[in-house]
């Protein structure tokens, strides 16, 4: 028991010394990537978004459009899920074996998130997804030296987030359904079968109105959790280069107004949409720490 108390006292003294005897401060500048922004990859590529009419989709998934594109009269452009670019700036205070950090990250879509379908020269679907988010994270963590100039580190903390995603454009799935019916007209490989998910209903295509010029924007804010692991290398100048993998967790439900009658009739009978907005994700970041 006496030895255990001595070890505990030594650990407390060591932690205090680490907190007091800081080795330096750094201004960090970095870039990064985040994949599948908003966790919308499934919606864009394989699930779509159902309308109020059973078996109909207001947003047609790209995998269904891909099947239709095999016909010579349909042209489809698919860009899959959104990928984001990250700009990062932070202030880091380093102790002997610990560090704390506060910073700001901004993420915007740089690729993906655009779907277009043209039938005999007529554009039926032209949907563009957007995403932007700002995170203000605080971290406390530990560092361990590796060799003469490198260190590995890990930390966890909290962050404030604000951001969301939006979708703009046109979706005329009703007309696409009607016009493409004759292209492949029989059996489980027919265009109509694909667009209706194999279901048949009275009233033809469901009498959905076209969505022309829609703009929907979701925006949320709150407090979330975050953690990271990374590796850094100290240069002769005293500055450092780093690479780290970070995961942030945050999001909530939001409600946004819609603009077009087609969206109201097909999906948002109250004139607005509620949707879970997910700003979580894994980010891969690299950059430079300037000794101050």
C-alpha atoms as a PDB file:
ATOM      1  CA  UNK A   1       0.000   0.000   0.000  1.00  0.00           C
ATOM      2  CA  UNK A   2       2.858   2.375   0.889  1.00  0.00           C
ATOM      3  CA  UNK A   3       4.506   1.744  -2.490  1.00  0.00           C
ATOM      4  CA  UNK A   4       1.197   2.339  -4.256  1.00  0.00           C
ATOM      5  CA  UNK A   5       0.852   5.702  -2.500  1.00  0.00           C
ATOM      6  CA  UNK A   6       4.378   6.651  -3.528  1.00  0.00           C
ATOM      7  CA  UNK A   7       3.644   5.770  -7.146  1.00  0.00           C
ATOM      8  CA  UNK A   8       0.394   7.756  -7.063  1.00  0.00           C
ATOM      9  CA  UNK A   9       2.179  10.767  -5.572  1.00  0.00           C
ATOM     10  CA  UNK A  10       4.898  10.490  -8.211  1.00  0.00           C
ATOM     11  CA  UNK A  11       2.278  10.372 -10.983  1.00  0.00           C
ATOM     12  CA  UNK A  12       0.552  13.496  -9.606  1.00  0.00           C
ATOM     13  CA  UNK A  13       3.863  15.366  -9.366  1.00  0.00           C
ATOM     14  CA  UNK A  14       4.807  14.298 -12.903  1.00  0.00           C
ATOM     15  CA  UNK A  15       1.456  15.456 -14.275  1.00  0.00           C
ATOM     16  CA  UNK A  16       1.815  18.793 -12.511  1.00  0.00           C
ATOM     17  CA  UNK A  17       5.327  19.229 -13.841  1.00  0.00           C
ATOM     18  CA  UNK A  18       4.130  18.426 -17.353  1.00  0.00           C
ATOM     19  CA  UNK A  19       1.410  21.064 -17.086  1.00  0.00           C
ATOM     20  CA  UNK A  20       3.737  23.754 -15.718  1.00  0.00           C
ATOM     21  CA  UNK A  21       6.967  23.233 -17.654  1.00  0.00           C
ATOM     22  CA  UNK A  22       5.705  23.772 -21.195  1.00  0.00           C
ATOM     23  CA  UNK A  23       8.071  23.085 -24.056  1.00  0.00           C
ATOM     24  CA  UNK A  24       6.574  25.576 -26.472  1.00  0.00           C
ATOM     25  CA  UNK A  25       3.657  27.046 -28.344  1.00  0.00           C
ATOM     26  CA  UNK A  26       2.793  26.523 -31.992  1.00  0.00           C
ATOM     27  CA  UNK A  27       0.566  28.114 -34.597  1.00  0.00           C
ATOM     28  CA  UNK A  28      -0.824  25.324 -36.760  1.00  0.00           C
ATOM     29  CA  UNK A  29      -1.931  25.655 -40.386  1.00  0.00           C
ATOM     30  CA  UNK A  30      -3.373  22.714 -42.247  1.00  0.00           C
ATOM     31  CA  UNK A  31      -5.423  21.219 -45.049  1.00  0.00           C
ATOM     32  CA  UNK A  32      -7.522  18.090 -45.107  1.00  0.00           C
ATOM     33  CA  UNK A  33     -10.131  15.892 -46.722  1.00  0.00           C
ATOM     34  CA  UNK A  34     -13.420  14.448 -45.499  1.00  0.00           C
ATOM     35  CA  UNK A  35     -15.346  11.834 -47.473  1.00  0.00           C
ATOM     36  CA  UNK A  36     -19.116  11.237 -47.700  1.00  0.00           C
ATOM     37  CA  UNK A  37     -20.103  14.636 -46.334  1.00  0.00           C
ATOM     38  CA  UNK A  38     -23.308  14.676 -44.331  1.00  0.00           C
ATOM     39  CA  UNK A  39     -23.473  10.871 -44.525  1.00  0.00           C
ATOM     40  CA  UNK A  40     -25.481  11.419 -47.739  1.00  0.00           C
ATOM     41  CA  UNK A  41     -23.627   8.943 -49.938  1.00  0.00           C
ATOM     42  CA  UNK A  42     -26.301   6.286 -49.516  1.00  0.00           C
ATOM     43  CA  UNK A  43     -29.101   8.723 -50.370  1.00  0.00           C
ATOM     44  CA  UNK A  44     -27.308   9.966 -53.483  1.00  0.00           C
ATOM     45  CA  UNK A  45     -26.061   6.653 -54.860  1.00  0.00           C
ATOM     46  CA  UNK A  46     -28.477   3.875 -53.856  1.00  0.00           C
ATOM     47  CA  UNK A  47     -31.460   4.944 -51.735  1.00  0.00           C
ATOM     48  CA  UNK A  48     -32.814   8.174 -53.214  1.00  0.00           C
ATOM     49  CA  UNK A  49     -35.643   9.980 -51.453  1.00  0.00           C
ATOM     50  CA  UNK A  50     -39.197   8.653 -51.621  1.00  0.00           C
ATOM     51  CA  UNK A  51     -42.119  10.908 -52.479  1.00  0.00           C
ATOM     52  CA  UNK A  52     -45.551  10.786 -50.856  1.00  0.00           C
ATOM     53  CA  UNK A  53     -46.754   8.477 -53.640  1.00  0.00           C
ATOM     54  CA  UNK A  54     -45.891   4.865 -52.761  1.00  0.00           C
ATOM     55  CA  UNK A  55     -43.210   3.428 -55.000  1.00  0.00           C
ATOM     56  CA  UNK A  56     -42.149   6.818 -56.403  1.00  0.00           C
ATOM     57  CA  UNK A  57     -38.973   8.757 -55.703  1.00  0.00           C
ATOM     58  CA  UNK A  58     -38.614  12.514 -55.712  1.00  0.00           C
ATOM     59  CA  UNK A  59     -34.821  12.069 -55.797  1.00  0.00           C
ATOM     60  CA  UNK A  60     -33.923   9.111 -58.003  1.00  0.00           C
ATOM     61  CA  UNK A  61     -30.842   7.213 -56.807  1.00  0.00           C
ATOM     62  CA  UNK A  62     -27.832   7.138 -59.118  1.00  0.00           C
ATOM     63  CA  UNK A  63     -27.739   3.345 -59.306  1.00  0.00           C
ATOM     64  CA  UNK A  64     -31.210   3.348 -60.903  1.00  0.00           C
ATOM     65  CA  UNK A  65     -30.210   6.052 -63.358  1.00  0.00           C
ATOM     66  CA  UNK A  66     -27.095   4.048 -64.187  1.00  0.00           C
ATOM     67  CA  UNK A  67     -29.254   1.128 -65.320  1.00  0.00           C
ATOM     68  CA  UNK A  68     -31.354   3.456 -67.477  1.00  0.00           C
ATOM     69  CA  UNK A  69     -28.219   4.984 -69.003  1.00  0.00           C
ATOM     70  CA  UNK A  70     -27.446   1.679 -70.726  1.00  0.00           C
ATOM     71  CA  UNK A  71     -30.088   2.584 -73.317  1.00  0.00           C
ATOM     72  CA  UNK A  72     -28.892   4.752 -76.215  1.00  0.00           C
ATOM     73  CA  UNK A  73     -31.524   7.443 -75.614  1.00  0.00           C
ATOM     74  CA  UNK A  74     -30.610   8.193 -71.983  1.00  0.00           C
ATOM     75  CA  UNK A  75     -27.487  10.067 -70.881  1.00  0.00           C
ATOM     76  CA  UNK A  76     -26.611  10.150 -67.170  1.00  0.00           C
ATOM     77  CA  UNK A  77     -23.883  12.021 -65.318  1.00  0.00           C
ATOM     78  CA  UNK A  78     -23.082  10.637 -61.861  1.00  0.00           C
ATOM     79  CA  UNK A  79     -20.662  12.135 -59.361  1.00  0.00           C
ATOM     80  CA  UNK A  80     -21.461  10.010 -56.301  1.00  0.00           C
ATOM     81  CA  UNK A  81     -21.092  11.218 -52.694  1.00  0.00           C
ATOM     82  CA  UNK A  82     -19.668  14.592 -51.717  1.00  0.00           C
ATOM     83  CA  UNK A  83     -16.016  15.024 -50.751  1.00  0.00           C
ATOM     84  CA  UNK A  84     -14.967  18.038 -48.706  1.00  0.00           C
ATOM     85  CA  UNK A  85     -11.839  20.124 -48.431  1.00  0.00           C
ATOM     86  CA  UNK A  86     -10.783  21.410 -45.003  1.00  0.00           C
ATOM     87  CA  UNK A  87      -8.916  24.556 -43.995  1.00  0.00           C
ATOM     88  CA  UNK A  88      -7.561  24.432 -40.441  1.00  0.00           C
ATOM     89  CA  UNK A  89      -5.879  26.904 -38.099  1.00  0.00           C
ATOM     90  CA  UNK A  90      -5.131  26.289 -34.413  1.00  0.00           C
ATOM     91  CA  UNK A  91      -3.054  27.300 -31.412  1.00  0.00           C
ATOM     92  CA  UNK A  92      -1.266  24.493 -29.596  1.00  0.00           C
ATOM     93  CA  UNK A  93       0.457  24.630 -26.207  1.00  0.00           C
ATOM     94  CA  UNK A  94       2.838  21.761 -25.574  1.00  0.00           C
ATOM     95  CA  UNK A  95       4.060  20.303 -22.285  1.00  0.00           C
ATOM     96  CA  UNK A  96       6.630  17.590 -21.681  1.00  0.00           C
ATOM     97  CA  UNK A  97       4.222  14.778 -22.507  1.00  0.00           C
ATOM     98  CA  UNK A  98       0.938  16.580 -23.036  1.00  0.00           C
ATOM     99  CA  UNK A  99      -0.673  19.307 -25.093  1.00  0.00           C
ATOM    100  CA  UNK A 100      -3.817  21.344 -25.404  1.00  0.00           C
ATOM    101  CA  UNK A 101      -5.177  22.933 -28.544  1.00  0.00           C
ATOM    102  CA  UNK A 102      -7.949  25.255 -29.700  1.00  0.00           C
ATOM    103  CA  UNK A 103      -8.667  26.024 -33.328  1.00  0.00           C
ATOM    104  CA  UNK A 104     -11.108  26.569 -36.184  1.00  0.00           C
ATOM    105  CA  UNK A 105     -11.804  24.231 -39.116  1.00  0.00           C
ATOM    106  CA  UNK A 106     -13.937  25.053 -42.144  1.00  0.00           C
ATOM    107  CA  UNK A 107     -15.179  22.350 -44.511  1.00  0.00           C
ATOM    108  CA  UNK A 108     -16.757  22.825 -47.956  1.00  0.00           C
ATOM    109  CA  UNK A 109     -17.652  20.453 -50.765  1.00  0.00           C
ATOM    110  CA  UNK A 110     -14.963  20.282 -53.449  1.00  0.00           C
ATOM    111  CA  UNK A 111     -16.235  17.364 -55.560  1.00  0.00           C
ATOM    112  CA  UNK A 112     -19.164  14.994 -56.004  1.00  0.00           C
ATOM    113  CA  UNK A 113     -22.806  15.633 -55.228  1.00  0.00           C
ATOM    114  CA  UNK A 114     -24.135  16.326 -58.731  1.00  0.00           C
ATOM    115  CA  UNK A 115     -26.553  14.138 -60.686  1.00  0.00           C
ATOM    116  CA  UNK A 116     -27.863  14.807 -64.189  1.00  0.00           C
ATOM    117  CA  UNK A 117     -30.101  12.760 -66.485  1.00  0.00           C
ATOM    118  CA  UNK A 118     -31.018  13.668 -70.073  1.00  0.00           C
ATOM    119  CA  UNK A 119     -33.634  11.807 -72.115  1.00  0.00           C
ATOM    120  CA  UNK A 120     -33.516  12.364 -75.905  1.00  0.00           C
ATOM    121  CA  UNK A 121     -31.872  15.752 -75.390  1.00  0.00           C
ATOM    122  CA  UNK A 122     -34.309  16.886 -72.679  1.00  0.00           C
ATOM    123  CA  UNK A 123     -32.821  17.381 -69.209  1.00  0.00           C
ATOM    124  CA  UNK A 124     -35.046  15.580 -66.715  1.00  0.00           C
ATOM    125  CA  UNK A 125     -32.870  15.646 -63.592  1.00  0.00           C
ATOM    126  CA  UNK A 126     -30.241  18.203 -62.613  1.00  0.00           C
ATOM    127  CA  UNK A 127     -29.587  18.099 -58.863  1.00  0.00           C
ATOM    128  CA  UNK A 128     -26.620  19.656 -57.059  1.00  0.00           C
ATOM    129  CA  UNK A 129     -25.848  18.995 -53.392  1.00  0.00           C
ATOM    130  CA  UNK A 130     -23.869  21.461 -51.274  1.00  0.00           C
ATOM    131  CA  UNK A 131     -22.218  21.257 -47.854  1.00  0.00           C
ATOM    132  CA  UNK A 132     -20.430  23.626 -45.513  1.00  0.00           C
ATOM    133  CA  UNK A 133     -19.527  23.368 -41.834  1.00  0.00           C
ATOM    134  CA  UNK A 134     -17.395  25.185 -39.289  1.00  0.00           C
ATOM    135  CA  UNK A 135     -15.984  23.433 -36.217  1.00  0.00           C
ATOM    136  CA  UNK A 136     -14.258  25.091 -33.261  1.00  0.00           C
ATOM    137  CA  UNK A 137     -12.569  22.201 -31.409  1.00  0.00           C
ATOM    138  CA  UNK A 138     -10.777  22.105 -28.069  1.00  0.00           C
ATOM    139  CA  UNK A 139      -8.385  19.229 -27.359  1.00  0.00           C
ATOM    140  CA  UNK A 140      -6.360  17.916 -24.466  1.00  0.00           C
ATOM    141  CA  UNK A 141      -4.060  14.997 -25.108  1.00  0.00           C
ATOM    142  CA  UNK A 142      -0.783  13.155 -24.621  1.00  0.00           C
ATOM    143  CA  UNK A 143       2.405  12.938 -26.693  1.00  0.00           C
ATOM    144  CA  UNK A 144       5.184  10.362 -26.830  1.00  0.00           C
ATOM    145  CA  UNK A 145       8.543  10.724 -28.550  1.00  0.00           C
ATOM    146  CA  UNK A 146       9.556   8.366 -31.344  1.00  0.00           C
ATOM    147  CA  UNK A 147      13.246   8.585 -32.193  1.00  0.00           C
ATOM    148  CA  UNK A 148      15.079  11.892 -32.076  1.00  0.00           C
ATOM    149  CA  UNK A 149      12.638  14.209 -33.831  1.00  0.00           C
ATOM    150  CA  UNK A 150       9.228  12.537 -34.174  1.00  0.00           C
ATOM    151  CA  UNK A 151       6.267  12.215 -31.818  1.00  0.00           C
ATOM    152  CA  UNK A 152       2.941  10.450 -31.834  1.00  0.00           C
ATOM    153  CA  UNK A 153      -0.019  11.967 -30.057  1.00  0.00           C
ATOM    154  CA  UNK A 154      -3.669  11.516 -29.293  1.00  0.00           C
ATOM    155  CA  UNK A 155      -6.315  13.753 -27.795  1.00  0.00           C
ATOM    156  CA  UNK A 156     -10.006  14.185 -27.169  1.00  0.00           C
ATOM    157  CA  UNK A 157     -12.292  17.068 -26.432  1.00  0.00           C
ATOM    158  CA  UNK A 158     -15.395  19.043 -27.337  1.00  0.00           C
ATOM    159  CA  UNK A 159     -16.253  21.334 -30.226  1.00  0.00           C
ATOM    160  CA  UNK A 160     -18.845  23.863 -31.290  1.00  0.00           C
ATOM    161  CA  UNK A 161     -20.238  23.228 -34.747  1.00  0.00           C
ATOM    162  CA  UNK A 162     -22.370  25.125 -37.216  1.00  0.00           C
ATOM    163  CA  UNK A 163     -23.239  24.071 -40.736  1.00  0.00           C
ATOM    164  CA  UNK A 164     -25.403  21.917 -42.908  1.00  0.00           C
ATOM    165  CA  UNK A 165     -26.181  20.922 -46.443  1.00  0.00           C
ATOM    166  CA  UNK A 166     -28.510  21.898 -49.254  1.00  0.00           C
ATOM    167  CA  UNK A 167     -29.842  20.706 -52.578  1.00  0.00           C
ATOM    168  CA  UNK A 168     -30.647  22.796 -55.658  1.00  0.00           C
ATOM    169  CA  UNK A 169     -32.047  22.083 -59.085  1.00  0.00           C
ATOM    170  CA  UNK A 170     -34.705  20.205 -61.020  1.00  0.00           C
ATOM    171  CA  UNK A 171     -36.180  16.738 -60.702  1.00  0.00           C
ATOM    172  CA  UNK A 172     -38.829  15.728 -63.211  1.00  0.00           C
ATOM    173  CA  UNK A 173     -39.151  12.061 -62.380  1.00  0.00           C
ATOM    174  CA  UNK A 174     -42.808  12.045 -63.492  1.00  0.00           C
ATOM    175  CA  UNK A 175     -41.972  13.023 -67.073  1.00  0.00           C
ATOM    176  CA  UNK A 176     -38.974  10.695 -67.071  1.00  0.00           C
ATOM    177  CA  UNK A 177     -41.301   7.878 -66.043  1.00  0.00           C
ATOM    178  CA  UNK A 178     -43.782   8.642 -68.810  1.00  0.00           C
ATOM    179  CA  UNK A 179     -41.276   9.175 -71.635  1.00  0.00           C
ATOM    180  CA  UNK A 180     -38.937   6.312 -70.809  1.00  0.00           C
ATOM    181  CA  UNK A 181     -41.695   3.719 -70.510  1.00  0.00           C
ATOM    182  CA  UNK A 182     -41.439   2.701 -74.143  1.00  0.00           C
ATOM    183  CA  UNK A 183     -37.672   2.353 -74.211  1.00  0.00           C
ATOM    184  CA  UNK A 184     -37.637  -0.946 -72.310  1.00  0.00           C
ATOM    185  CA  UNK A 185     -41.285  -1.662 -71.839  1.00  0.00           C
ATOM    186  CA  UNK A 186     -41.650  -5.224 -70.544  1.00  0.00           C
ATOM    187  CA  UNK A 187     -40.476  -7.190 -67.537  1.00  0.00           C
ATOM    188  CA  UNK A 188     -38.301  -6.576 -64.476  1.00  0.00           C
ATOM    189  CA  UNK A 189     -35.726  -4.663 -66.564  1.00  0.00           C
ATOM    190  CA  UNK A 190     -38.204  -2.073 -67.858  1.00  0.00           C
ATOM    191  CA  UNK A 191     -37.564   1.591 -67.131  1.00  0.00           C
ATOM    192  CA  UNK A 192     -40.912   1.959 -65.401  1.00  0.00           C
ATOM    193  CA  UNK A 193     -40.252  -1.086 -63.232  1.00  0.00           C
ATOM    194  CA  UNK A 194     -36.930   0.382 -62.131  1.00  0.00           C
ATOM    195  CA  UNK A 195     -38.337   3.843 -61.410  1.00  0.00           C
ATOM    196  CA  UNK A 196     -41.272   2.421 -59.423  1.00  0.00           C
ATOM    197  CA  UNK A 197     -39.223  -0.158 -57.509  1.00  0.00           C
ATOM    198  CA  UNK A 198     -41.292  -2.980 -58.973  1.00  0.00           C
ATOM    199  CA  UNK A 199     -44.647  -1.706 -57.667  1.00  0.00           C
ATOM    200  CA  UNK A 200     -47.755  -0.940 -59.711  1.00  0.00           C
ATOM    201  CA  UNK A 201     -50.420   1.575 -58.797  1.00  0.00           C
ATOM    202  CA  UNK A 202     -53.614   2.981 -60.207  1.00  0.00           C
ATOM    203  CA  UNK A 203     -53.188   6.385 -61.773  1.00  0.00           C
ATOM    204  CA  UNK A 204     -50.108   5.663 -63.879  1.00  0.00           C
ATOM    205  CA  UNK A 205     -47.018   7.433 -62.639  1.00  0.00           C
ATOM    206  CA  UNK A 206     -48.614   8.775 -59.517  1.00  0.00           C
ATOM    207  CA  UNK A 207     -49.363  12.289 -60.808  1.00  0.00           C
ATOM    208  CA  UNK A 208     -46.261  13.837 -59.250  1.00  0.00           C
ATOM    209  CA  UNK A 209     -45.624  17.430 -60.268  1.00  0.00           C
ATOM    210  CA  UNK A 210     -42.138  18.346 -61.525  1.00  0.00           C
ATOM    211  CA  UNK A 211     -39.692  20.044 -59.164  1.00  0.00           C
ATOM    212  CA  UNK A 212     -38.185  23.011 -61.018  1.00  0.00           C
ATOM    213  CA  UNK A 213     -35.728  25.439 -59.431  1.00  0.00           C
ATOM    214  CA  UNK A 214     -35.865  24.044 -55.897  1.00  0.00           C
ATOM    215  CA  UNK A 215     -33.473  25.334 -53.240  1.00  0.00           C
ATOM    216  CA  UNK A 216     -33.451  23.710 -49.805  1.00  0.00           C
ATOM    217  CA  UNK A 217     -30.961  24.666 -47.083  1.00  0.00           C
ATOM    218  CA  UNK A 218     -30.448  23.009 -43.701  1.00  0.00           C
ATOM    219  CA  UNK A 219     -28.338  24.664 -41.004  1.00  0.00           C
ATOM    220  CA  UNK A 220     -27.723  23.445 -37.440  1.00  0.00           C
ATOM    221  CA  UNK A 221     -25.429  24.283 -34.544  1.00  0.00           C
ATOM    222  CA  UNK A 222     -24.510  22.738 -31.227  1.00  0.00           C
ATOM    223  CA  UNK A 223     -21.833  21.035 -29.138  1.00  0.00           C
ATOM    224  CA  UNK A 224     -20.227  17.731 -30.100  1.00  0.00           C
ATOM    225  CA  UNK A 225     -17.382  15.371 -29.243  1.00  0.00           C
ATOM    226  CA  UNK A 226     -14.094  14.910 -31.081  1.00  0.00           C
ATOM    227  CA  UNK A 227     -10.886  12.906 -30.883  1.00  0.00           C
ATOM    228  CA  UNK A 228      -7.720  12.573 -32.954  1.00  0.00           C
ATOM    229  CA  UNK A 229      -4.476  10.662 -33.365  1.00  0.00           C
ATOM    230  CA  UNK A 230      -1.458  12.006 -35.195  1.00  0.00           C
ATOM    231  CA  UNK A 231       2.247  12.021 -35.853  1.00  0.00           C
ATOM    232  CA  UNK A 232       4.580  15.007 -36.095  1.00  0.00           C
ATOM    233  CA  UNK A 233       8.212  15.603 -36.990  1.00  0.00           C
ATOM    234  CA  UNK A 234      10.313  18.447 -35.632  1.00  0.00           C
ATOM    235  CA  UNK A 235      12.513  20.281 -38.132  1.00  0.00           C
ATOM    236  CA  UNK A 236      15.867  21.936 -37.497  1.00  0.00           C
ATOM    237  CA  UNK A 237      14.125  25.317 -37.529  1.00  0.00           C
ATOM    238  CA  UNK A 238      12.016  24.258 -34.546  1.00  0.00           C
ATOM    239  CA  UNK A 239       8.856  24.105 -36.638  1.00  0.00           C
ATOM    240  CA  UNK A 240       6.969  20.848 -37.196  1.00  0.00           C
ATOM    241  CA  UNK A 241       5.117  18.999 -39.924  1.00  0.00           C
ATOM    242  CA  UNK A 242       2.172  16.805 -38.960  1.00  0.00           C
ATOM    243  CA  UNK A 243      -0.397  14.316 -40.200  1.00  0.00           C
ATOM    244  CA  UNK A 244      -3.459  13.375 -38.172  1.00  0.00           C
ATOM    245  CA  UNK A 245      -6.748  11.518 -38.368  1.00  0.00           C
ATOM    246  CA  UNK A 246      -9.625  13.226 -36.599  1.00  0.00           C
ATOM    247  CA  UNK A 247     -13.198  12.165 -35.938  1.00  0.00           C
ATOM    248  CA  UNK A 248     -15.917  14.657 -35.031  1.00  0.00           C
ATOM    249  CA  UNK A 249     -19.405  13.783 -33.821  1.00  0.00           C
ATOM    250  CA  UNK A 250     -22.241  16.282 -34.078  1.00  0.00           C
ATOM    251  CA  UNK A 251     -25.633  16.870 -35.659  1.00  0.00           C
ATOM    252  CA  UNK A 252     -29.333  17.277 -35.017  1.00  0.00           C
ATOM    253  CA  UNK A 253     -32.731  17.514 -36.684  1.00  0.00           C
ATOM    254  CA  UNK A 254     -33.510  20.622 -38.728  1.00  0.00           C
ATOM    255  CA  UNK A 255     -36.526  22.013 -40.570  1.00  0.00           C
ATOM    256  CA  UNK A 256     -36.224  24.005 -43.800  1.00  0.00           C
ATOM    257  CA  UNK A 257     -38.815  25.660 -46.080  1.00  0.00           C
ATOM    258  CA  UNK A 258     -39.252  24.534 -49.695  1.00  0.00           C
ATOM    259  CA  UNK A 259     -39.893  26.770 -52.710  1.00  0.00           C
ATOM    260  CA  UNK A 260     -41.671  24.783 -55.408  1.00  0.00           C
ATOM    261  CA  UNK A 261     -45.142  23.318 -55.706  1.00  0.00           C
ATOM    262  CA  UNK A 262     -43.646  20.074 -56.975  1.00  0.00           C
ATOM    263  CA  UNK A 263     -41.782  19.563 -53.693  1.00  0.00           C
ATOM    264  CA  UNK A 264     -44.873  20.459 -51.667  1.00  0.00           C
ATOM    265  CA  UNK A 265     -47.083  18.011 -53.572  1.00  0.00           C
ATOM    266  CA  UNK A 266     -44.520  15.200 -53.661  1.00  0.00           C
ATOM    267  CA  UNK A 267     -42.851  15.434 -50.273  1.00  0.00           C
ATOM    268  CA  UNK A 268     -43.547  18.465 -48.061  1.00  0.00           C
ATOM    269  CA  UNK A 269     -47.288  18.975 -47.706  1.00  0.00           C
ATOM    270  CA  UNK A 270     -46.744  21.512 -44.889  1.00  0.00           C
ATOM    271  CA  UNK A 271     -44.369  23.623 -46.988  1.00  0.00           C
ATOM    272  CA  UNK A 272     -41.249  22.551 -45.114  1.00  0.00           C
ATOM    273  CA  UNK A 273     -38.998  19.518 -44.657  1.00  0.00           C
ATOM    274  CA  UNK A 274     -37.516  18.021 -41.494  1.00  0.00           C
ATOM    275  CA  UNK A 275     -34.363  15.956 -41.879  1.00  0.00           C
ATOM    276  CA  UNK A 276     -31.561  14.706 -39.586  1.00  0.00           C
ATOM    277  CA  UNK A 277     -28.447  16.759 -40.356  1.00  0.00           C
ATOM    278  CA  UNK A 278     -25.213  14.887 -39.663  1.00  0.00           C
ATOM    279  CA  UNK A 279     -22.004  16.928 -39.403  1.00  0.00           C
ATOM    280  CA  UNK A 280     -19.980  13.978 -38.107  1.00  0.00           C
ATOM    281  CA  UNK A 281     -17.148  12.378 -40.010  1.00  0.00           C
ATOM    282  CA  UNK A 282     -13.545  11.249 -40.203  1.00  0.00           C
ATOM    283  CA  UNK A 283     -11.070  13.819 -41.502  1.00  0.00           C
ATOM    284  CA  UNK A 284      -7.519  13.333 -42.767  1.00  0.00           C
ATOM    285  CA  UNK A 285      -5.414  16.432 -42.106  1.00  0.00           C
ATOM    286  CA  UNK A 286      -1.823  17.494 -42.665  1.00  0.00           C
ATOM    287  CA  UNK A 287       0.056  20.723 -42.234  1.00  0.00           C
ATOM    288  CA  UNK A 288       2.696  22.818 -40.538  1.00  0.00           C
ATOM    289  CA  UNK A 289       3.206  23.953 -36.949  1.00  0.00           C
ATOM    290  CA  UNK A 290       5.126  27.210 -36.579  1.00  0.00           C
ATOM    291  CA  UNK A 291       7.070  27.598 -33.331  1.00  0.00           C
ATOM    292  CA  UNK A 292       6.119  30.799 -31.509  1.00  0.00           C
END
